[in-house]
Amino acid sequence: MASFAFDSRIAGSAPSIRSILSKLLALPRMVHQWNLSRETSNTLHRLSDKQLDDIGLVRGNIDALSFGQPRKF
């Protein structure tokens, strides 16, 4: 008959639990950041092309700017 002993020092168990917990704890911050980006995008899309030109933007760059992608010049 085989017997198994529980060893709490298993190399892969603790980091994976910490990783999962850190991602769960970061979830509210990620949702908040996504909502801010969404609101920024919606606000900029409501501006006219002239208003966007006044602040140095074109309509095609709104989503990239709102969601944190680097601006290309």
Protein backbone atom coordinates (compact mmCIF):
# COMPACT_ATOMS: atom_id res chain seq x y z
CA MET A 1 0.00 0.00 0.00
CA ALA A 2 1.32 3.42 -0.90
CA SER A 3 1.41 6.20 1.61
CA PHE A 4 1.66 9.88 0.88
CA ALA A 5 3.03 12.57 3.15
CA PHE A 6 2.00 16.19 2.85
CA ASP A 7 4.96 18.49 2.45
CA SER A 8 4.15 22.20 2.74
CA ARG A 9 7.52 23.07 1.22
CA ILE A 10 6.49 22.14 -2.31
CA ALA A 11 8.32 24.61 -4.52
CA GLY A 12 5.48 25.63 -6.82
CA SER A 13 2.59 25.96 -4.38
CA ALA A 14 3.33 29.17 -2.46
CA PRO A 15 4.25 31.40 -5.44
CA SER A 16 1.18 30.37 -7.38
CA ILE A 17 -1.11 31.16 -4.43
CA ARG A 18 0.63 34.51 -3.93
CA SER A 19 0.29 35.22 -7.63
CA ILE A 20 -3.43 34.49 -7.60
CA LEU A 21 -3.98 36.59 -4.47
CA SER A 22 -2.03 39.54 -5.86
CA LYS A 23 -4.10 39.45 -9.05
CA LEU A 24 -7.33 39.31 -7.08
CA LEU A 25 -6.23 42.22 -4.91
CA ALA A 26 -5.28 44.23 -8.02
CA LEU A 27 -8.66 43.63 -9.67
CA PRO A 28 -10.52 46.63 -8.15
CA ARG A 29 -7.68 48.97 -9.20
CA MET A 30 -7.68 47.52 -12.71
CA VAL A 31 -11.45 47.95 -13.03
CA HIS A 32 -11.20 51.54 -11.76
CA GLN A 33 -8.43 52.34 -14.28
CA TRP A 34 -10.42 50.76 -17.11
CA ASN A 35 -13.47 52.85 -16.19
CA LEU A 36 -11.41 56.07 -16.14
CA SER A 37 -10.01 55.20 -19.58
CA ARG A 38 -13.50 54.47 -20.89
CA GLU A 39 -14.84 57.80 -19.57
CA THR A 40 -11.88 59.69 -21.08
CA SER A 41 -12.45 58.01 -24.44
CA ASN A 42 -16.18 58.81 -24.40
CA THR A 43 -15.53 62.44 -23.47
CA LEU A 44 -12.95 62.91 -26.22
CA HIS A 45 -15.20 61.25 -28.81
CA ARG A 46 -17.91 63.82 -28.01
CA LEU A 47 -15.59 66.70 -28.96
CA SER A 48 -15.71 68.16 -32.46
CA ASP A 49 -12.79 67.77 -34.85
CA LYS A 50 -11.97 71.46 -34.32
CA GLN A 51 -11.88 71.03 -30.54
CA LEU A 52 -9.66 67.98 -30.89
CA ASP A 53 -7.35 69.93 -33.22
CA ASP A 54 -7.13 72.72 -30.62
CA ILE A 55 -5.71 70.27 -28.08
CA GLY A 56 -3.45 68.57 -30.62
CA LEU A 57 -5.39 65.37 -31.21
CA VAL A 58 -7.02 63.65 -34.13
CA ARG A 59 -10.01 61.36 -33.76
CA GLY A 60 -7.97 58.29 -34.73
CA ASN A 61 -5.67 58.69 -31.72
CA ILE A 62 -8.36 58.86 -29.04
CA ASP A 63 -8.53 55.19 -28.10
CA ALA A 64 -4.75 54.76 -28.09
CA LEU A 65 -4.39 57.81 -25.85
CA SER A 66 -7.29 56.90 -23.56
CA PHE A 67 -6.18 53.35 -22.92
CA GLY A 68 -2.54 54.16 -22.25
CA GLN A 69 -0.89 53.15 -25.48
CA PRO A 70 2.08 55.33 -26.37
CA ARG A 71 1.38 58.23 -28.70
CA LYS A 72 3.17 58.06 -32.05
CA PHE A 73 4.42 61.29 -33.57
